[in-house]
Amino acid sequence: MKTLALLALTSMAAFSWTAAAADARKSPEPPVTDPGPPGGPSSDAVVLFSGKDMAQWKNEKGGEPRWRLEDGAMVVNGTGSLISKEVFGDCQLHVEWATPSKVEGSGQGRGNSGVYLQGRYEIQVLDSYQNTTYFDGQAGAYYGHSAPMVNASRKPGEWQSYDIIFHPPKHDTAGKVIPGSLTVFHNGVLVQDHVPVHGKATTAAHFAGVTPKGPVVLQDHGNPVRFRNIWIRPL
């Protein structure tokens, strides 16, 4: 009897799996996306900077960006932060950056900049290679909220990358804030794992409040940090 019962259960499980597989085959096939070269951009991405011009950006006052273009990179030069002209909600963002090769200063004074999602939530850019500072302010930190799981920094002057998956906080029908999340890979290493974003903007945020969409902001913190190969995929 036990053998018959086991066979019956096995047959039911096989039938359920077959039925689920059949239903899955009825679902629409995922769209095809060309991943592009290593580091992207993929064919479905919005390219914010390809090394040629800063046409996708504006300065803090809405005018033309005044950062320096040099060897296919945008270089911070003390003229204020850059704000993307287009706004985004749920997204995948790829940014490559490099702090100065010449080490000057220490702590927060060394290669400081930031990448802001919606102009509100900062992923810190800093030369954190053998450079001690507060943990939720080092490279890869969700600034002021969450320290990176590990320090994956390259040496000063070397190109580094952030790949960020961002889901913004939203309001429910009663007006209550539903937390969003941030997942960050620094040089391919997971440093923020689905960290909650409750809606409180980080220090020096360019915009306030919870909103469905907002711009990407690259911070001018006075250090000549370089940026290149910036693209974003709305999700």
Protein backbone atom coordinates (compact mmCIF):
# COMPACT_ATOMS: atom_id res chain seq x y z
CA MET A 1 0.00 0.00 0.00
CA LYS A 2 2.83 2.38 0.84
CA THR A 3 4.36 1.70 -2.56
CA LEU A 4 1.08 2.47 -4.33
CA ALA A 5 0.64 5.67 -2.33
CA LEU A 6 4.19 6.76 -3.19
CA LEU A 7 3.61 6.06 -6.86
CA ALA A 8 0.40 8.07 -6.74
CA LEU A 9 2.15 11.04 -5.14
CA THR A 10 4.98 10.82 -7.67
CA SER A 11 2.50 10.76 -10.54
CA MET A 12 0.64 13.78 -9.14
CA ALA A 13 3.90 15.72 -8.75
CA ALA A 14 4.92 14.85 -12.31
CA PHE A 15 1.50 15.95 -13.60
CA SER A 16 1.72 19.24 -11.68
CA TRP A 17 5.21 19.91 -13.05
CA THR A 18 4.10 19.11 -16.60
CA ALA A 19 1.06 21.36 -16.25
CA ALA A 20 3.21 24.20 -14.91
CA ALA A 21 5.71 23.74 -17.74
CA ALA A 22 2.87 23.82 -20.27
CA ASP A 23 1.52 27.05 -18.76
CA ALA A 24 4.99 28.58 -18.84
CA ARG A 25 5.29 27.78 -22.56
CA LYS A 26 2.07 29.71 -23.15
CA SER A 27 3.57 32.87 -21.58
CA PRO A 28 5.05 35.53 -23.88
CA GLU A 29 8.68 34.98 -24.74
CA PRO A 30 11.03 37.51 -23.09
CA PRO A 31 12.18 40.26 -25.47
CA VAL A 32 15.68 39.95 -26.89
CA THR A 33 18.28 42.46 -25.72
CA ASP A 34 21.80 42.74 -27.12
CA PRO A 35 24.05 43.02 -24.04
CA GLY A 36 26.62 44.98 -26.01
CA PRO A 37 30.34 44.95 -25.19
CA PRO A 38 31.63 44.15 -21.68
CA GLY A 39 30.39 46.99 -19.50
CA GLY A 40 27.51 47.72 -21.90
CA PRO A 41 25.45 49.58 -22.83
CA SER A 42 22.80 47.06 -23.76
CA SER A 43 20.57 47.74 -26.74
CA ASP A 44 17.63 48.71 -24.48
CA ALA A 45 19.62 51.21 -22.40
CA VAL A 46 19.45 55.00 -22.38
CA VAL A 47 23.01 56.23 -22.86
CA LEU A 48 23.68 59.21 -20.60
CA PHE A 49 27.35 59.59 -21.49
CA SER A 50 29.33 57.82 -24.21
CA GLY A 51 32.48 59.96 -24.05
CA LYS A 52 31.56 62.34 -26.85
CA ASP A 53 29.48 65.13 -25.32
CA MET A 54 27.35 66.10 -22.33
CA ALA A 55 24.10 66.56 -24.27
CA GLN A 56 22.13 64.46 -21.77
CA TRP A 57 23.07 66.70 -18.83
CA LYS A 58 22.46 70.16 -17.40
CA ASN A 59 24.00 72.11 -14.57
CA GLU A 60 22.37 72.84 -11.22
CA LYS A 61 20.69 75.97 -12.57
CA GLY A 62 19.36 74.25 -15.69
CA GLY A 63 21.99 75.61 -18.08
CA GLU A 64 24.72 73.94 -20.07
CA PRO A 65 27.07 71.65 -18.11
CA ARG A 66 30.54 73.05 -17.63
CA TRP A 67 32.56 70.05 -16.54
CA ARG A 68 35.70 69.37 -18.55
CA LEU A 69 35.70 66.74 -21.30
CA GLU A 70 39.00 64.88 -21.32
CA ASP A 71 39.98 61.56 -22.95
CA GLY A 72 36.38 60.37 -23.18
CA ALA A 73 35.52 61.28 -19.59
CA MET A 74 33.64 64.06 -17.80
CA VAL A 75 35.84 65.64 -15.12
CA VAL A 76 34.56 67.49 -12.05
CA ASN A 77 35.97 71.02 -12.09
CA GLY A 78 34.19 73.00 -9.38
CA THR A 79 31.35 74.32 -11.54
CA GLY A 80 28.58 72.44 -9.76
CA SER A 81 26.90 69.05 -9.98
CA LEU A 82 25.46 67.59 -13.19
CA ILE A 83 21.79 66.61 -13.45
CA SER A 84 20.40 64.30 -16.14
CA LYS A 85 17.79 65.91 -18.36
CA GLU A 86 15.71 62.74 -18.37
CA VAL A 87 14.10 61.38 -15.19
CA PHE A 88 13.79 57.75 -14.11
CA GLY A 89 12.02 55.50 -11.63
CA ASP A 90 12.81 51.79 -11.30
CA CYS A 91 16.10 51.30 -13.10
CA GLN A 92 19.46 49.62 -13.60
CA LEU A 93 22.28 52.18 -13.68
CA HIS A 94 25.87 51.64 -14.80
CA VAL A 95 28.51 54.27 -13.98
CA GLU A 96 32.29 54.13 -14.29
CA TRP A 97 34.42 56.54 -12.26
CA ALA A 98 37.98 57.22 -11.18
CA THR A 99 39.44 59.29 -8.36
CA PRO A 100 42.63 61.32 -8.94
CA SER A 101 45.88 59.38 -9.36
CA LYS A 102 47.65 61.87 -7.13
CA VAL A 103 46.54 61.28 -3.57
CA GLU A 104 45.74 64.46 -1.68
CA GLY A 105 43.92 64.76 1.61
CA SER A 106 42.41 61.97 3.65
CA GLY A 107 39.03 60.65 4.74
CA GLN A 108 36.19 62.51 3.04
CA GLY A 109 38.62 64.93 1.42
CA ARG A 110 40.08 62.29 -0.89
CA GLY A 111 38.37 61.80 -4.28
CA ASN A 112 34.92 62.68 -2.97
CA SER A 113 31.87 62.67 -5.25
CA GLY A 114 28.57 60.81 -5.44
CA VAL A 115 25.96 59.23 -7.69
CA TYR A 116 22.41 60.22 -6.72
CA LEU A 117 19.35 58.24 -7.75
CA GLN A 118 16.44 60.66 -8.30
CA GLY A 119 18.76 63.37 -7.00
CA ARG A 120 17.95 62.10 -3.48
CA TYR A 121 19.67 58.82 -2.61
CA GLU A 122 23.47 58.88 -2.81
CA ILE A 123 25.85 56.06 -3.53
CA GLN A 124 29.13 57.52 -2.32
CA VAL A 125 32.13 57.94 -4.60
CA LEU A 126 35.40 58.17 -2.69
CA ASP A 127 39.00 57.05 -2.84
CA SER A 128 38.60 54.33 -0.22
CA TYR A 129 41.80 52.47 -1.08
CA GLN A 130 43.72 52.38 2.22
CA ASN A 131 41.80 55.45 3.33
CA THR A 132 39.97 55.40 6.66
CA THR A 133 36.66 57.23 7.10
CA TYR A 134 33.24 56.54 8.63
CA PHE A 135 31.88 53.33 7.15
CA ASP A 136 28.57 54.67 5.79
CA GLY A 137 30.55 57.36 3.96
CA GLN A 138 33.11 55.24 2.10
CA ALA A 139 32.96 54.12 -1.52
CA GLY A 140 29.97 51.89 -2.17
CA ALA A 141 28.01 53.22 0.81
CA TYR A 142 24.38 54.26 0.61
CA TYR A 143 25.53 57.51 2.14
CA GLY A 144 24.57 58.00 5.77
CA HIS A 145 22.37 54.91 5.78
CA SER A 146 24.23 51.71 4.94
CA ALA A 147 27.94 50.85 4.85
CA PRO A 148 29.11 48.57 2.03
CA MET A 149 29.34 44.88 2.87
CA VAL A 150 33.01 44.90 1.76
CA ASN A 151 35.53 47.47 0.54
CA ALA A 152 36.03 46.60 -3.14
CA SER A 153 38.01 49.73 -4.07
CA ARG A 154 40.73 49.81 -6.71
CA LYS A 155 43.87 51.94 -6.38
CA PRO A 156 43.69 55.74 -6.88
CA GLY A 157 43.41 56.71 -10.54
CA GLU A 158 42.12 53.31 -11.68
CA TRP A 159 38.72 53.03 -13.31
CA GLN A 160 35.98 51.57 -11.13
CA SER A 161 32.34 50.70 -11.78
CA TYR A 162 28.98 50.80 -10.07
CA ASP A 163 26.04 48.71 -11.22
CA ILE A 164 22.98 49.79 -9.28
CA ILE A 165 19.49 48.30 -9.19
CA PHE A 166 17.11 50.90 -7.81
CA HIS A 167 13.44 50.75 -6.88
CA PRO A 168 12.21 54.07 -5.48
CA PRO A 169 9.90 54.33 -2.49
CA LYS A 170 6.28 54.88 -3.46
CA HIS A 171 3.04 56.03 -1.85
CA ASP A 172 0.22 53.56 -1.38
CA THR A 173 -3.44 54.57 -1.82
CA ALA A 174 -3.55 55.87 1.76
CA GLY A 175 -0.46 58.05 1.22
CA LYS A 176 1.84 55.85 3.30
CA VAL A 177 5.40 55.43 1.99
CA ILE A 178 6.20 51.92 0.75
CA PRO A 179 10.00 51.45 0.97
CA GLY A 180 12.05 50.97 -2.17
CA SER A 181 15.45 49.32 -2.38
CA LEU A 182 19.04 49.67 -3.56
CA THR A 183 21.31 46.86 -4.73
CA VAL A 184 24.86 47.87 -5.65
CA PHE A 185 27.78 46.06 -7.25
CA HIS A 186 31.15 47.81 -6.88
CA ASN A 187 33.66 46.51 -9.44
CA GLY A 188 31.41 43.48 -9.85
CA VAL A 189 31.30 42.78 -6.10
CA LEU A 190 27.97 42.93 -4.25
CA VAL A 191 28.23 45.68 -1.61
CA GLN A 192 24.55 46.62 -1.01
CA ASP A 193 22.00 43.81 -1.05
CA HIS A 194 18.40 44.99 -1.48
CA VAL A 195 18.86 47.70 1.17
CA PRO A 196 15.58 49.47 2.05
CA VAL A 197 15.04 53.05 0.87
CA HIS A 198 12.42 54.64 3.10
CA GLY A 199 12.16 58.02 1.39
CA LYS A 200 14.47 60.15 3.53
CA ALA A 201 16.96 61.88 1.24
CA THR A 202 20.68 61.68 1.97
CA THR A 203 22.80 64.66 3.00
CA ALA A 204 23.31 67.27 0.25
CA ALA A 205 20.45 65.83 -1.82
CA HIS A 206 19.36 68.01 -4.72
CA PHE A 207 15.66 67.18 -4.45
CA ALA A 208 13.30 66.37 -1.58
CA GLY A 209 10.18 64.29 -1.15
CA VAL A 210 9.04 60.95 -2.54
CA THR A 211 8.33 60.92 -6.26
CA PRO A 212 7.88 58.21 -8.93
CA LYS A 213 10.72 59.55 -11.08
CA GLY A 214 13.73 61.81 -10.74
CA PRO A 215 17.10 62.57 -12.38
CA VAL A 216 20.51 61.00 -11.96
CA VAL A 217 22.88 63.50 -10.32
CA LEU A 218 26.68 63.41 -10.36
CA GLN A 219 28.07 65.39 -7.46
CA ASP A 220 30.69 68.12 -7.63
CA HIS A 221 32.38 67.89 -4.24
CA GLY A 222 35.46 69.84 -5.31
CA ASN A 223 37.67 66.85 -6.17
CA PRO A 224 38.55 66.20 -9.86
CA VAL A 225 36.77 62.84 -10.11
CA ARG A 226 36.24 61.44 -13.63
CA PHE A 227 33.14 59.70 -15.02
CA ARG A 228 32.61 57.67 -18.19
CA ASN A 229 30.35 55.02 -19.80
CA ILE A 230 27.10 55.97 -18.05
CA TRP A 231 23.91 54.22 -19.11
CA ILE A 232 20.58 53.33 -17.55
CA ARG A 233 17.83 50.77 -18.21
CA PRO A 234 14.32 51.69 -17.07
CA LEU A 235 12.78 48.62 -15.45
